[in-house]
Amino acid sequence: MMNTTTTTIEQQSLRPDFTGCLTEDSSDILFQVLNDIELELDGNLVKEFEQGLPADIIPGV
């Protein structure tokens, strides 16, 4: 006689759900941080490409 064992594996997301953890104050802080990152990125792009794209300043690229 043969015994068979069945195992059930529950799938879980690797990304935690933080939506229930955000309060109005914490979401305001989060949006401010994201806005600061966006402004920093925009500033870096302007500085890096103010002379033009590499194809504009290096012939043959």
PDB file of N, CA and C in Angstrom:
ATOM      1  N   MET A   1       0.844  -1.181   0.000  1.00  0.00           N
ATOM      2  CA  MET A   1       0.000   0.000   0.000  1.00  0.00           C
ATOM      3  C   MET A   1       0.888   1.243   0.000  1.00  0.00           C
ATOM      4  N   MET A   2       0.528   2.251  -0.807  1.00  0.00           N
ATOM      5  CA  MET A   2       1.333   3.447  -0.979  1.00  0.00           C
ATOM      6  C   MET A   2       0.608   4.643  -0.365  1.00  0.00           C
ATOM      7  N   ASN A   3       1.319   5.436   0.450  1.00  0.00           N
ATOM      8  CA  ASN A   3       0.744   6.649   1.042  1.00  0.00           C
ATOM      9  C   ASN A   3       1.145   7.850   0.192  1.00  0.00           C
ATOM     10  N   THR A   4       0.230   8.748  -0.039  1.00  0.00           N
ATOM     11  CA  THR A   4       0.496   9.958  -0.811  1.00  0.00           C
ATOM     12  C   THR A   4       0.282  11.171   0.076  1.00  0.00           C
ATOM     13  N   THR A   5       1.267  12.066   0.057  1.00  0.00           N
ATOM     14  CA  THR A   5       1.169  13.296   0.833  1.00  0.00           C
ATOM     15  C   THR A   5       1.000  14.461  -0.129  1.00  0.00           C
ATOM     16  N   THR A   6       0.065  15.322   0.157  1.00  0.00           N
ATOM     17  CA  THR A   6      -0.174  16.505  -0.664  1.00  0.00           C
ATOM     18  C   THR A   6       0.209  17.736   0.145  1.00  0.00           C
ATOM     19  N   THR A   7       1.005  18.598  -0.479  1.00  0.00           N
ATOM     20  CA  THR A   7       1.421  19.832   0.172  1.00  0.00           C
ATOM     21  C   THR A   7       0.881  21.004  -0.628  1.00  0.00           C
ATOM     22  N   THR A   8       0.274  21.938   0.064  1.00  0.00           N
ATOM     23  CA  THR A   8      -0.248  23.132  -0.581  1.00  0.00           C
ATOM     24  C   THR A   8       0.698  24.281  -0.291  1.00  0.00           C
ATOM     25  N   ILE A   9       1.113  24.990  -1.346  1.00  0.00           N
ATOM     26  CA  ILE A   9       2.004  26.133  -1.197  1.00  0.00           C
ATOM     27  C   ILE A   9       1.210  27.383  -1.526  1.00  0.00           C
ATOM     28  N   GLU A  10       1.195  28.313  -0.593  1.00  0.00           N
ATOM     29  CA  GLU A  10       0.465  29.556  -0.803  1.00  0.00           C
ATOM     30  C   GLU A  10       1.390  30.575  -1.430  1.00  0.00           C
ATOM     31  N   GLN A  11       0.952  31.205  -2.500  1.00  0.00           N
ATOM     32  CA  GLN A  11       1.761  32.207  -3.182  1.00  0.00           C
ATOM     33  C   GLN A  11       1.624  33.534  -2.461  1.00  0.00           C
ATOM     34  N   GLN A  12       2.761  34.183  -2.222  1.00  0.00           N
ATOM     35  CA  GLN A  12       2.757  35.488  -1.581  1.00  0.00           C
ATOM     36  C   GLN A  12       3.517  36.471  -2.454  1.00  0.00           C
ATOM     37  N   SER A  13       3.073  37.680  -2.451  1.00  0.00           N
ATOM     38  CA  SER A  13       3.734  38.720  -3.216  1.00  0.00           C
ATOM     39  C   SER A  13       5.031  39.117  -2.519  1.00  0.00           C
ATOM     40  N   LEU A  14       6.044  39.427  -3.322  1.00  0.00           N
ATOM     41  CA  LEU A  14       7.304  39.912  -2.754  1.00  0.00           C
ATOM     42  C   LEU A  14       7.219  41.388  -2.398  1.00  0.00           C
ATOM     43  N   ARG A  15       6.230  42.067  -2.946  1.00  0.00           N
ATOM     44  CA  ARG A  15       6.040  43.480  -2.634  1.00  0.00           C
ATOM     45  C   ARG A  15       5.023  43.624  -1.519  1.00  0.00           C
ATOM     46  N   PRO A  16       5.427  44.185  -0.402  1.00  0.00           N
ATOM     47  CA  PRO A  16       4.449  44.375   0.674  1.00  0.00           C
ATOM     48  C   PRO A  16       3.446  45.462   0.300  1.00  0.00           C
ATOM     49  N   ASP A  17       2.280  45.366   0.843  1.00  0.00           N
ATOM     50  CA  ASP A  17       1.233  46.346   0.589  1.00  0.00           C
ATOM     51  C   ASP A  17       1.299  47.417   1.668  1.00  0.00           C
ATOM     52  N   PHE A  18       1.790  48.602   1.282  1.00  0.00           N
ATOM     53  CA  PHE A  18       1.943  49.688   2.241  1.00  0.00           C
ATOM     54  C   PHE A  18       0.757  50.645   2.228  1.00  0.00           C
ATOM     55  N   THR A  19      -0.234  50.396   1.384  1.00  0.00           N
ATOM     56  CA  THR A  19      -1.326  51.358   1.255  1.00  0.00           C
ATOM     57  C   THR A  19      -2.083  51.545   2.566  1.00  0.00           C
ATOM     58  N   GLY A  20      -2.194  50.504   3.358  1.00  0.00           N
ATOM     59  CA  GLY A  20      -2.887  50.631   4.629  1.00  0.00           C
ATOM     60  C   GLY A  20      -2.058  51.325   5.689  1.00  0.00           C
ATOM     61  N   CYS A  21      -0.759  51.457   5.452  1.00  0.00           N
ATOM     62  CA  CYS A  21       0.152  52.055   6.435  1.00  0.00           C
ATOM     63  C   CYS A  21       0.289  53.558   6.265  1.00  0.00           C
ATOM     64  N   LEU A  22      -0.102  54.087   5.106  1.00  0.00           N
ATOM     65  CA  LEU A  22       0.104  55.507   4.848  1.00  0.00           C
ATOM     66  C   LEU A  22      -0.966  56.348   5.528  1.00  0.00           C
ATOM     67  N   THR A  23      -0.522  57.300   6.299  1.00  0.00           N
ATOM     68  CA  THR A  23      -1.438  58.285   6.865  1.00  0.00           C
ATOM     69  C   THR A  23      -1.366  59.516   5.974  1.00  0.00           C
ATOM     70  N   GLU A  24      -2.182  60.484   6.240  1.00  0.00           N
ATOM     71  CA  GLU A  24      -2.160  61.704   5.425  1.00  0.00           C
ATOM     72  C   GLU A  24      -0.802  62.391   5.539  1.00  0.00           C
ATOM     73  N   ASP A  25      -0.241  62.453   6.754  1.00  0.00           N
ATOM     74  CA  ASP A  25       1.051  63.096   6.946  1.00  0.00           C
ATOM     75  C   ASP A  25       2.161  62.329   6.246  1.00  0.00           C
ATOM     76  N   SER A  26       2.166  60.996   6.374  1.00  0.00           N
ATOM     77  CA  SER A  26       3.236  60.219   5.759  1.00  0.00           C
ATOM     78  C   SER A  26       3.138  60.256   4.243  1.00  0.00           C
ATOM     79  N   SER A  27       1.920  60.307   3.702  1.00  0.00           N
ATOM     80  CA  SER A  27       1.791  60.391   2.244  1.00  0.00           C
ATOM     81  C   SER A  27       2.256  61.754   1.747  1.00  0.00           C
ATOM     82  N   ASP A  28       2.017  62.817   2.518  1.00  0.00           N
ATOM     83  CA  ASP A  28       2.519  64.145   2.152  1.00  0.00           C
ATOM     84  C   ASP A  28       4.044  64.146   2.118  1.00  0.00           C
ATOM     85  N   ILE A  29       4.654  63.512   3.111  1.00  0.00           N
ATOM     86  CA  ILE A  29       6.119  63.429   3.168  1.00  0.00           C
ATOM     87  C   ILE A  29       6.633  62.620   1.989  1.00  0.00           C
ATOM     88  N   LEU A  30       5.984  61.510   1.681  1.00  0.00           N
ATOM     89  CA  LEU A  30       6.389  60.669   0.560  1.00  0.00           C
ATOM     90  C   LEU A  30       6.332  61.453  -0.745  1.00  0.00           C
ATOM     91  N   PHE A  31       5.249  62.177  -0.985  1.00  0.00           N
ATOM     92  CA  PHE A  31       5.125  62.947  -2.220  1.00  0.00           C
ATOM     93  C   PHE A  31       6.162  64.060  -2.284  1.00  0.00           C
ATOM     94  N   GLN A  32       6.500  64.668  -1.150  1.00  0.00           N
ATOM     95  CA  GLN A  32       7.529  65.711  -1.134  1.00  0.00           C
ATOM     96  C   GLN A  32       8.888  65.114  -1.504  1.00  0.00           C
ATOM     97  N   VAL A  33       9.204  63.946  -0.953  1.00  0.00           N
ATOM     98  CA  VAL A  33      10.469  63.275  -1.274  1.00  0.00           C
ATOM     99  C   VAL A  33      10.515  62.945  -2.764  1.00  0.00           C
ATOM    100  N   LEU A  34       9.429  62.410  -3.306  1.00  0.00           N
ATOM    101  CA  LEU A  34       9.392  62.085  -4.735  1.00  0.00           C
ATOM    102  C   LEU A  34       9.540  63.332  -5.596  1.00  0.00           C
ATOM    103  N   ASN A  35       8.923  64.425  -5.203  1.00  0.00           N
ATOM    104  CA  ASN A  35       9.067  65.682  -5.946  1.00  0.00           C
ATOM    105  C   ASN A  35      10.498  66.179  -5.896  1.00  0.00           C
ATOM    106  N   ASP A  36      11.150  66.055  -4.731  1.00  0.00           N
ATOM    107  CA  ASP A  36      12.551  66.474  -4.606  1.00  0.00           C
ATOM    108  C   ASP A  36      13.449  65.634  -5.506  1.00  0.00           C
ATOM    109  N   ILE A  37      13.191  64.337  -5.574  1.00  0.00           N
ATOM    110  CA  ILE A  37      13.981  63.449  -6.438  1.00  0.00           C
ATOM    111  C   ILE A  37      13.795  63.847  -7.898  1.00  0.00           C
ATOM    112  N   GLU A  38      12.561  64.150  -8.279  1.00  0.00           N
ATOM    113  CA  GLU A  38      12.281  64.535  -9.656  1.00  0.00           C
ATOM    114  C   GLU A  38      13.012  65.827 -10.014  1.00  0.00           C
ATOM    115  N   LEU A  39      12.993  66.806  -9.104  1.00  0.00           N
ATOM    116  CA  LEU A  39      13.676  68.070  -9.355  1.00  0.00           C
ATOM    117  C   LEU A  39      15.189  67.859  -9.458  1.00  0.00           C
ATOM    118  N   GLU A  40      15.733  66.988  -8.597  1.00  0.00           N
ATOM    119  CA  GLU A  40      17.159  66.702  -8.638  1.00  0.00           C
ATOM    120  C   GLU A  40      17.525  66.032  -9.963  1.00  0.00           C
ATOM    121  N   LEU A  41      16.704  65.110 -10.413  1.00  0.00           N
ATOM    122  CA  LEU A  41      16.940  64.428 -11.684  1.00  0.00           C
ATOM    123  C   LEU A  41      16.878  65.419 -12.841  1.00  0.00           C
ATOM    124  N   ASP A  42      15.883  66.281 -12.835  1.00  0.00           N
ATOM    125  CA  ASP A  42      15.766  67.291 -13.889  1.00  0.00           C
ATOM    126  C   ASP A  42      16.999  68.185 -13.924  1.00  0.00           C
ATOM    127  N   GLY A  43      17.460  68.612 -12.750  1.00  0.00           N
ATOM    128  CA  GLY A  43      18.651  69.463 -12.675  1.00  0.00           C
ATOM    129  C   GLY A  43      19.886  68.764 -13.212  1.00  0.00           C
ATOM    130  N   ASN A  44      20.036  67.481 -12.885  1.00  0.00           N
ATOM    131  CA  ASN A  44      21.186  66.721 -13.376  1.00  0.00           C
ATOM    132  C   ASN A  44      21.142  66.558 -14.891  1.00  0.00           C
ATOM    133  N   LEU A  45      19.964  66.296 -15.430  1.00  0.00           N
ATOM    134  CA  LEU A  45      19.837  66.153 -16.878  1.00  0.00           C
ATOM    135  C   LEU A  45      20.185  67.452 -17.594  1.00  0.00           C
ATOM    136  N   VAL A  46      19.739  68.563 -17.040  1.00  0.00           N
ATOM    137  CA  VAL A  46      20.039  69.866 -17.647  1.00  0.00           C
ATOM    138  C   VAL A  46      21.545  70.105 -17.634  1.00  0.00           C
ATOM    139  N   LYS A  47      22.191  69.831 -16.493  1.00  0.00           N
ATOM    140  CA  LYS A  47      23.648  70.039 -16.400  1.00  0.00           C
ATOM    141  C   LYS A  47      24.405  69.128 -17.361  1.00  0.00           C
ATOM    142  N   GLU A  48      24.013  67.869 -17.440  1.00  0.00           N
ATOM    143  CA  GLU A  48      24.741  66.904 -18.257  1.00  0.00           C
ATOM    144  C   GLU A  48      24.584  67.169 -19.755  1.00  0.00           C
ATOM    145  N   PHE A  49      23.426  67.660 -20.167  1.00  0.00           N
ATOM    146  CA  PHE A  49      23.168  67.804 -21.589  1.00  0.00           C
ATOM    147  C   PHE A  49      23.057  69.260 -22.044  1.00  0.00           C
ATOM    148  N   GLU A  50      23.565  70.202 -21.247  1.00  0.00           N
ATOM    149  CA  GLU A  50      23.444  71.597 -21.664  1.00  0.00           C
ATOM    150  C   GLU A  50      24.286  71.882 -22.908  1.00  0.00           C
ATOM    151  N   GLN A  51      25.341  71.087 -23.153  1.00  0.00           N
ATOM    152  CA  GLN A  51      26.149  71.268 -24.363  1.00  0.00           C
ATOM    153  C   GLN A  51      25.562  70.495 -25.541  1.00  0.00           C
ATOM    154  N   GLY A  52      24.607  69.666 -25.289  1.00  0.00           N
ATOM    155  CA  GLY A  52      23.997  68.860 -26.340  1.00  0.00           C
ATOM    156  C   GLY A  52      24.201  67.389 -26.070  1.00  0.00           C
ATOM    157  N   LEU A  53      23.550  66.587 -26.862  1.00  0.00           N
ATOM    158  CA  LEU A  53      23.701  65.148 -26.743  1.00  0.00           C
ATOM    159  C   LEU A  53      25.066  64.733 -27.284  1.00  0.00           C
ATOM    160  N   PRO A  54      25.579  63.576 -26.858  1.00  0.00           N
ATOM    161  CA  PRO A  54      26.895  63.137 -27.355  1.00  0.00           C
ATOM    162  C   PRO A  54      26.992  63.154 -28.884  1.00  0.00           C
ATOM    163  N   ALA A  55      25.926  62.806 -29.572  1.00  0.00           N
ATOM    164  CA  ALA A  55      25.941  62.822 -31.032  1.00  0.00           C
ATOM    165  C   ALA A  55      26.091  64.236 -31.580  1.00  0.00           C
ATOM    166  N   ASP A  56      25.693  65.241 -30.792  1.00  0.00           N
ATOM    167  CA  ASP A  56      25.799  66.630 -31.221  1.00  0.00           C
ATOM    168  C   ASP A  56      27.204  67.191 -31.040  1.00  0.00           C
ATOM    169  N   ILE A  57      27.944  66.680 -30.055  1.00  0.00           N
ATOM    170  CA  ILE A  57      29.250  67.261 -29.733  1.00  0.00           C
ATOM    171  C   ILE A  57      30.429  66.362 -30.112  1.00  0.00           C
ATOM    172  N   ILE A  58      30.174  65.088 -30.379  1.00  0.00           N
ATOM    173  CA  ILE A  58      31.254  64.181 -30.799  1.00  0.00           C
ATOM    174  C   ILE A  58      30.921  63.681 -32.197  1.00  0.00           C
ATOM    175  N   PRO A  59      31.725  64.072 -33.197  1.00  0.00           N
ATOM    176  CA  PRO A  59      31.437  63.622 -34.565  1.00  0.00           C
ATOM    177  C   PRO A  59      31.499  62.097 -34.682  1.00  0.00           C
ATOM    178  N   GLY A  60      30.594  61.558 -35.438  1.00  0.00           N
ATOM    179  CA  GLY A  60      30.592  60.136 -35.720  1.00  0.00           C
ATOM    180  C   GLY A  60      29.885  59.272 -34.673  1.00  0.00           C
ATOM    181  N   VAL A  61      29.329  59.878 -33.626  1.00  0.00           N
ATOM    182  CA  VAL A  61      28.636  59.093 -32.602  1.00  0.00           C
ATOM    183  C   VAL A  61      27.182  59.009 -32.955  1.00  0.00           C
TER     184      VAL A  61
END
